Amino acid sequence: MSSPLSGAPAYCVHCGLALAGADHAACRTPRTALEPPRFCPQCARRMVVQVSPVSWTARCSRHGACTSEGTG
């Protein structure tokens, strides 16, 4: 996955809750491993996600975009 999002993630990309002090077992399943991120890992803002048959792109209004292209 290519990404301009840098630094250690502070929030879960699937539920948007802080990584510290929360149970994310439901966020770490085989099903969610293939899903695009829905929340920015840096600020927990909801990201704009575009999915195509071969890739996805997720964009945070503050931190830029990440994409799945080039991972296959």
PDB file of N, CA and C in Angstrom:
ATOM      1  N   MET A   1       0.856  -1.174   0.000  1.00  0.00           N
ATOM      2  CA  MET A   1       0.000   0.000   0.000  1.00  0.00           C
ATOM      3  C   MET A   1       0.894   1.227   0.000  1.00  0.00           C
ATOM      4  N   SER A   2       0.716   2.128  -0.928  1.00  0.00           N
ATOM      5  CA  SER A   2       1.482   3.364  -0.927  1.00  0.00           C
ATOM      6  C   SER A   2       0.714   4.408  -0.138  1.00  0.00           C
ATOM      7  N   SER A   3       1.460   5.246   0.612  1.00  0.00           N
ATOM      8  CA  SER A   3       0.782   6.188   1.471  1.00  0.00           C
ATOM      9  C   SER A   3       1.669   7.347   1.860  1.00  0.00           C
ATOM     10  N   PRO A   4       1.165   8.585   1.776  1.00  0.00           N
ATOM     11  CA  PRO A   4       1.907   9.708   2.315  1.00  0.00           C
ATOM     12  C   PRO A   4       1.648   9.860   3.814  1.00  0.00           C
ATOM     13  N   LEU A   5       0.732   9.066   4.350  1.00  0.00           N
ATOM     14  CA  LEU A   5       0.442   9.119   5.770  1.00  0.00           C
ATOM     15  C   LEU A   5       1.655   8.583   6.517  1.00  0.00           C
ATOM     16  N   SER A   6       2.292   9.425   7.322  1.00  0.00           N
ATOM     17  CA  SER A   6       3.522   8.997   7.981  1.00  0.00           C
ATOM     18  C   SER A   6       3.342   8.998   9.486  1.00  0.00           C
ATOM     19  N   GLY A   7       4.259   8.368  10.152  1.00  0.00           N
ATOM     20  CA  GLY A   7       4.218   8.299  11.603  1.00  0.00           C
ATOM     21  C   GLY A   7       3.420   7.100  12.085  1.00  0.00           C
ATOM     22  N   ALA A   8       3.508   6.860  13.364  1.00  0.00           N
ATOM     23  CA  ALA A   8       2.787   5.737  13.959  1.00  0.00           C
ATOM     24  C   ALA A   8       1.293   6.031  13.994  1.00  0.00           C
ATOM     25  N   PRO A   9       0.469   5.064  13.604  1.00  0.00           N
ATOM     26  CA  PRO A   9      -0.980   5.302  13.635  1.00  0.00           C
ATOM     27  C   PRO A   9      -1.484   5.419  15.076  1.00  0.00           C
ATOM     28  N   ALA A  10      -2.400   6.347  15.299  1.00  0.00           N
ATOM     29  CA  ALA A  10      -2.985   6.542  16.614  1.00  0.00           C
ATOM     30  C   ALA A  10      -4.415   6.031  16.675  1.00  0.00           C
ATOM     31  N   TYR A  11      -5.031   5.841  15.507  1.00  0.00           N
ATOM     32  CA  TYR A  11      -6.439   5.439  15.440  1.00  0.00           C
ATOM     33  C   TYR A  11      -6.605   4.226  14.532  1.00  0.00           C
ATOM     34  N   CYS A  12      -7.620   3.448  14.800  1.00  0.00           N
ATOM     35  CA  CYS A  12      -7.949   2.280  13.988  1.00  0.00           C
ATOM     36  C   CYS A  12      -8.544   2.751  12.665  1.00  0.00           C
ATOM     37  N   VAL A  13      -8.073   2.168  11.564  1.00  0.00           N
ATOM     38  CA  VAL A  13      -8.559   2.572  10.246  1.00  0.00           C
ATOM     39  C   VAL A  13      -9.928   1.974   9.920  1.00  0.00           C
ATOM     40  N   HIS A  14     -10.408   1.034  10.738  1.00  0.00           N
ATOM     41  CA  HIS A  14     -11.700   0.409  10.475  1.00  0.00           C
ATOM     42  C   HIS A  14     -12.827   0.973  11.340  1.00  0.00           C
ATOM     43  N   CYS A  15     -12.543   1.333  12.603  1.00  0.00           N
ATOM     44  CA  CYS A  15     -13.610   1.843  13.473  1.00  0.00           C
ATOM     45  C   CYS A  15     -13.409   3.295  13.885  1.00  0.00           C
ATOM     46  N   GLY A  16     -12.187   3.827  13.754  1.00  0.00           N
ATOM     47  CA  GLY A  16     -11.925   5.218  14.085  1.00  0.00           C
ATOM     48  C   GLY A  16     -11.624   5.479  15.546  1.00  0.00           C
ATOM     49  N   LEU A  17     -11.620   4.455  16.388  1.00  0.00           N
ATOM     50  CA  LEU A  17     -11.319   4.631  17.812  1.00  0.00           C
ATOM     51  C   LEU A  17      -9.812   4.610  18.040  1.00  0.00           C
ATOM     52  N   ALA A  18      -9.385   5.199  19.142  1.00  0.00           N
ATOM     53  CA  ALA A  18      -7.963   5.216  19.487  1.00  0.00           C
ATOM     54  C   ALA A  18      -7.450   3.790  19.630  1.00  0.00           C
ATOM     55  N   LEU A  19      -6.227   3.543  19.158  1.00  0.00           N
ATOM     56  CA  LEU A  19      -5.650   2.209  19.253  1.00  0.00           C
ATOM     57  C   LEU A  19      -5.347   1.829  20.697  1.00  0.00           C
ATOM     58  N   ALA A  20      -4.926   2.793  21.485  1.00  0.00           N
ATOM     59  CA  ALA A  20      -4.598   2.528  22.887  1.00  0.00           C
ATOM     60  C   ALA A  20      -5.872   2.454  23.718  1.00  0.00           C
ATOM     61  N   GLY A  21      -5.980   1.407  24.493  1.00  0.00           N
ATOM     62  CA  GLY A  21      -7.086   1.293  25.438  1.00  0.00           C
ATOM     63  C   GLY A  21      -8.409   0.833  24.860  1.00  0.00           C
ATOM     64  N   ALA A  22      -8.436   0.328  23.640  1.00  0.00           N
ATOM     65  CA  ALA A  22      -9.690  -0.154  23.053  1.00  0.00           C
ATOM     66  C   ALA A  22      -9.484  -1.558  22.506  1.00  0.00           C
ATOM     67  N   ASP A  23     -10.534  -2.347  22.509  1.00  0.00           N
ATOM     68  CA  ASP A  23     -10.472  -3.704  21.975  1.00  0.00           C
ATOM     69  C   ASP A  23     -10.809  -3.661  20.482  1.00  0.00           C
ATOM     70  N   HIS A  24      -9.864  -4.059  19.671  1.00  0.00           N
ATOM     71  CA  HIS A  24     -10.049  -4.013  18.218  1.00  0.00           C
ATOM     72  C   HIS A  24     -10.071  -5.415  17.611  1.00  0.00           C
ATOM     73  N   ALA A  25     -10.510  -6.403  18.377  1.00  0.00           N
ATOM     74  CA  ALA A  25     -10.555  -7.780  17.860  1.00  0.00           C
ATOM     75  C   ALA A  25     -11.463  -7.876  16.631  1.00  0.00           C
ATOM     76  N   ALA A  26     -12.582  -7.189  16.629  1.00  0.00           N
ATOM     77  CA  ALA A  26     -13.503  -7.211  15.487  1.00  0.00           C
ATOM     78  C   ALA A  26     -12.911  -6.487  14.270  1.00  0.00           C
ATOM     79  N   CYS A  27     -11.949  -5.611  14.508  1.00  0.00           N
ATOM     80  CA  CYS A  27     -11.321  -4.865  13.412  1.00  0.00           C
ATOM     81  C   CYS A  27     -10.191  -5.656  12.766  1.00  0.00           C
ATOM     82  N   ARG A  28      -9.737  -6.703  13.418  1.00  0.00           N
ATOM     83  CA  ARG A  28      -8.597  -7.489  12.925  1.00  0.00           C
ATOM     84  C   ARG A  28      -9.028  -8.902  12.546  1.00  0.00           C
ATOM     85  N   THR A  29      -9.927  -8.987  11.605  1.00  0.00           N
ATOM     86  CA  THR A  29     -10.397 -10.282  11.127  1.00  0.00           C
ATOM     87  C   THR A  29      -9.927 -10.481   9.689  1.00  0.00           C
ATOM     88  N   PRO A  30      -9.971 -11.703   9.182  1.00  0.00           N
ATOM     89  CA  PRO A  30      -9.592 -11.909   7.777  1.00  0.00           C
ATOM     90  C   PRO A  30     -10.437 -11.080   6.803  1.00  0.00           C
ATOM     91  N   ARG A  31     -11.694 -10.844   7.136  1.00  0.00           N
ATOM     92  CA  ARG A  31     -12.559 -10.042   6.265  1.00  0.00           C
ATOM     93  C   ARG A  31     -12.079  -8.595   6.190  1.00  0.00           C
ATOM     94  N   THR A  32     -11.735  -8.003   7.322  1.00  0.00           N
ATOM     95  CA  THR A  32     -11.316  -6.602   7.320  1.00  0.00           C
ATOM     96  C   THR A  32      -9.915  -6.418   6.769  1.00  0.00           C
ATOM     97  N   ALA A  33      -9.122  -7.480   6.711  1.00  0.00           N
ATOM     98  CA  ALA A  33      -7.772  -7.368   6.160  1.00  0.00           C
ATOM     99  C   ALA A  33      -7.798  -6.969   4.686  1.00  0.00           C
ATOM    100  N   LEU A  34      -8.862  -7.306   3.983  1.00  0.00           N
ATOM    101  CA  LEU A  34      -8.975  -6.967   2.566  1.00  0.00           C
ATOM    102  C   LEU A  34      -9.750  -5.682   2.308  1.00  0.00           C
ATOM    103  N   GLU A  35     -10.326  -5.098   3.341  1.00  0.00           N
ATOM    104  CA  GLU A  35     -11.127  -3.882   3.193  1.00  0.00           C
ATOM    105  C   GLU A  35     -10.239  -2.643   3.174  1.00  0.00           C
ATOM    106  N   PRO A  36     -10.631  -1.614   2.437  1.00  0.00           N
ATOM    107  CA  PRO A  36      -9.870  -0.359   2.475  1.00  0.00           C
ATOM    108  C   PRO A  36     -10.078   0.339   3.822  1.00  0.00           C
ATOM    109  N   PRO A  37      -9.142   1.187   4.205  1.00  0.00           N
ATOM    110  CA  PRO A  37      -9.313   1.932   5.455  1.00  0.00           C
ATOM    111  C   PRO A  37     -10.478   2.910   5.331  1.00  0.00           C
ATOM    112  N   ARG A  38     -11.228   3.092   6.383  1.00  0.00           N
ATOM    113  CA  ARG A  38     -12.369   4.013   6.374  1.00  0.00           C
ATOM    114  C   ARG A  38     -12.083   5.272   7.182  1.00  0.00           C
ATOM    115  N   PHE A  39     -11.139   5.188   8.122  1.00  0.00           N
ATOM    116  CA  PHE A  39     -10.789   6.322   8.976  1.00  0.00           C
ATOM    117  C   PHE A  39      -9.293   6.581   8.876  1.00  0.00           C
ATOM    118  N   CYS A  40      -8.898   7.845   8.945  1.00  0.00           N
ATOM    119  CA  CYS A  40      -7.490   8.223   8.885  1.00  0.00           C
ATOM    120  C   CYS A  40      -6.781   7.723  10.147  1.00  0.00           C
ATOM    121  N   PRO A  41      -5.641   7.044  10.007  1.00  0.00           N
ATOM    122  CA  PRO A  41      -4.926   6.554  11.181  1.00  0.00           C
ATOM    123  C   PRO A  41      -4.247   7.664  11.984  1.00  0.00           C
ATOM    124  N   GLN A  42      -4.143   8.864  11.423  1.00  0.00           N
ATOM    125  CA  GLN A  42      -3.504   9.977  12.107  1.00  0.00           C
ATOM    126  C   GLN A  42      -4.481  10.870  12.880  1.00  0.00           C
ATOM    127  N   CYS A  43      -5.699  11.071  12.330  1.00  0.00           N
ATOM    128  CA  CYS A  43      -6.633  12.009  12.963  1.00  0.00           C
ATOM    129  C   CYS A  43      -8.043  11.447  13.158  1.00  0.00           C
ATOM    130  N   ALA A  44      -8.300  10.225  12.706  1.00  0.00           N
ATOM    131  CA  ALA A  44      -9.590   9.534  12.843  1.00  0.00           C
ATOM    132  C   ALA A  44     -10.723  10.185  12.044  1.00  0.00           C
ATOM    133  N   ARG A  45     -10.382  11.063  11.106  1.00  0.00           N
ATOM    134  CA  ARG A  45     -11.420  11.618  10.236  1.00  0.00           C
ATOM    135  C   ARG A  45     -11.885  10.548   9.267  1.00  0.00           C
ATOM    136  N   ARG A  46     -13.157  10.596   8.909  1.00  0.00           N
ATOM    137  CA  ARG A  46     -13.701   9.677   7.916  1.00  0.00           C
ATOM    138  C   ARG A  46     -13.051  10.010   6.576  1.00  0.00           C
ATOM    139  N   MET A  47     -12.543   9.006   5.880  1.00  0.00           N
ATOM    140  CA  MET A  47     -11.872   9.231   4.610  1.00  0.00           C
ATOM    141  C   MET A  47     -12.829   8.983   3.445  1.00  0.00           C
ATOM    142  N   VAL A  48     -12.546   9.643   2.327  1.00  0.00           N
ATOM    143  CA  VAL A  48     -13.285   9.428   1.088  1.00  0.00           C
ATOM    144  C   VAL A  48     -12.649   8.212   0.430  1.00  0.00           C
ATOM    145  N   VAL A  49     -13.441   7.159   0.210  1.00  0.00           N
ATOM    146  CA  VAL A  49     -12.913   5.905  -0.320  1.00  0.00           C
ATOM    147  C   VAL A  49     -13.534   5.620  -1.674  1.00  0.00           C
ATOM    148  N   GLN A  50     -12.675   5.296  -2.657  1.00  0.00           N
ATOM    149  CA  GLN A  50     -13.125   4.867  -3.981  1.00  0.00           C
ATOM    150  C   GLN A  50     -12.613   3.461  -4.205  1.00  0.00           C
ATOM    151  N   VAL A  51     -13.524   2.563  -4.574  1.00  0.00           N
ATOM    152  CA  VAL A  51     -13.162   1.163  -4.802  1.00  0.00           C
ATOM    153  C   VAL A  51     -13.443   0.811  -6.257  1.00  0.00           C
ATOM    154  N   SER A  52     -12.463   0.194  -6.896  1.00  0.00           N
ATOM    155  CA  SER A  52     -12.640  -0.318  -8.255  1.00  0.00           C
ATOM    156  C   SER A  52     -12.439  -1.840  -8.196  1.00  0.00           C
ATOM    157  N   PRO A  53     -12.698  -2.528  -9.284  1.00  0.00           N
ATOM    158  CA  PRO A  53     -12.519  -3.987  -9.256  1.00  0.00           C
ATOM    159  C   PRO A  53     -11.090  -4.444  -8.937  1.00  0.00           C
ATOM    160  N   VAL A  54     -10.094  -3.604  -9.192  1.00  0.00           N
ATOM    161  CA  VAL A  54      -8.711  -4.029  -8.981  1.00  0.00           C
ATOM    162  C   VAL A  54      -7.947  -3.254  -7.908  1.00  0.00           C
ATOM    163  N   SER A  55      -8.518  -2.181  -7.378  1.00  0.00           N
ATOM    164  CA  SER A  55      -7.796  -1.389  -6.383  1.00  0.00           C
ATOM    165  C   SER A  55      -8.748  -0.511  -5.577  1.00  0.00           C
ATOM    166  N   TRP A  56      -8.196   0.205  -4.604  1.00  0.00           N
ATOM    167  CA  TRP A  56      -8.961   1.188  -3.854  1.00  0.00           C
ATOM    168  C   TRP A  56      -8.063   2.378  -3.552  1.00  0.00           C
ATOM    169  N   THR A  57      -8.679   3.537  -3.302  1.00  0.00           N
ATOM    170  CA  THR A  57      -7.990   4.757  -2.890  1.00  0.00           C
ATOM    171  C   THR A  57      -8.766   5.363  -1.743  1.00  0.00           C
ATOM    172  N   ALA A  58      -8.063   5.743  -0.684  1.00  0.00           N
ATOM    173  CA  ALA A  58      -8.682   6.393   0.466  1.00  0.00           C
ATOM    174  C   ALA A  58      -7.973   7.724   0.690  1.00  0.00           C
ATOM    175  N   ARG A  59      -8.769   8.806   0.880  1.00  0.00           N
ATOM    176  CA  ARG A  59      -8.182  10.144   0.988  1.00  0.00           C
ATOM    177  C   ARG A  59      -8.680  10.850   2.236  1.00  0.00           C
ATOM    178  N   CYS A  60      -7.738  11.333   3.044  1.00  0.00           N
ATOM    179  CA  CYS A  60      -8.034  12.165   4.205  1.00  0.00           C
ATOM    180  C   CYS A  60      -7.875  13.624   3.777  1.00  0.00           C
ATOM    181  N   SER A  61      -8.788  14.481   4.198  1.00  0.00           N
ATOM    182  CA  SER A  61      -8.724  15.884   3.799  1.00  0.00           C
ATOM    183  C   SER A  61      -7.507  16.603   4.379  1.00  0.00           C
ATOM    184  N   ARG A  62      -6.924  16.068   5.440  1.00  0.00           N
ATOM    185  CA  ARG A  62      -5.755  16.702   6.054  1.00  0.00           C
ATOM    186  C   ARG A  62      -4.440  15.989   5.774  1.00  0.00           C
ATOM    187  N   HIS A  63      -4.463  14.674   5.632  1.00  0.00           N
ATOM    188  CA  HIS A  63      -3.223  13.908   5.558  1.00  0.00           C
ATOM    189  C   HIS A  63      -2.942  13.255   4.215  1.00  0.00           C
ATOM    190  N   GLY A  64      -3.775  13.472   3.233  1.00  0.00           N
ATOM    191  CA  GLY A  64      -3.506  12.936   1.908  1.00  0.00           C
ATOM    192  C   GLY A  64      -4.170  11.589   1.647  1.00  0.00           C
ATOM    193  N   ALA A  65      -3.645  10.888   0.644  1.00  0.00           N
ATOM    194  CA  ALA A  65      -4.275   9.661   0.173  1.00  0.00           C
ATOM    195  C   ALA A  65      -3.352   8.461   0.311  1.00  0.00           C
ATOM    196  N   CYS A  66      -3.977   7.297   0.371  1.00  0.00           N
ATOM    197  CA  CYS A  66      -3.248   6.038   0.282  1.00  0.00           C
ATOM    198  C   CYS A  66      -4.014   5.164  -0.698  1.00  0.00           C
ATOM    199  N   THR A  67      -3.291   4.235  -1.306  1.00  0.00           N
ATOM    200  CA  THR A  67      -3.900   3.417  -2.343  1.00  0.00           C
ATOM    201  C   THR A  67      -3.411   1.986  -2.248  1.00  0.00           C
ATOM    202  N   SER A  68      -4.186   1.065  -2.804  1.00  0.00           N
ATOM    203  CA  SER A  68      -3.785  -0.346  -2.810  1.00  0.00           C
ATOM    204  C   SER A  68      -3.049  -0.707  -4.085  1.00  0.00           C
ATOM    205  N   GLU A  69      -2.955   0.185  -5.043  1.00  0.00           N
ATOM    206  CA  GLU A  69      -2.309  -0.104  -6.318  1.00  0.00           C
ATOM    207  C   GLU A  69      -0.851  -0.477  -6.104  1.00  0.00           C
ATOM    208  N   GLY A  70      -0.422  -1.455  -6.867  1.00  0.00           N
ATOM    209  CA  GLY A  70       0.963  -1.879  -6.781  1.00  0.00           C
ATOM    210  C   GLY A  70       1.213  -2.934  -5.724  1.00  0.00           C
ATOM    211  N   THR A  71       0.150  -3.443  -5.084  1.00  0.00           N
ATOM    212  CA  THR A  71       0.343  -4.455  -4.051  1.00  0.00           C
ATOM    213  C   THR A  71       0.048  -5.849  -4.573  1.00  0.00           C
ATOM    214  N   GLY A  72      -0.393  -5.994  -5.817  1.00  0.00           N
ATOM    215  CA  GLY A  72      -0.801  -7.285  -6.302  1.00  0.00           C
ATOM    216  C   GLY A  72       0.178  -7.909  -7.184  1.00  0.00           C
TER     217      GLY A  72
END
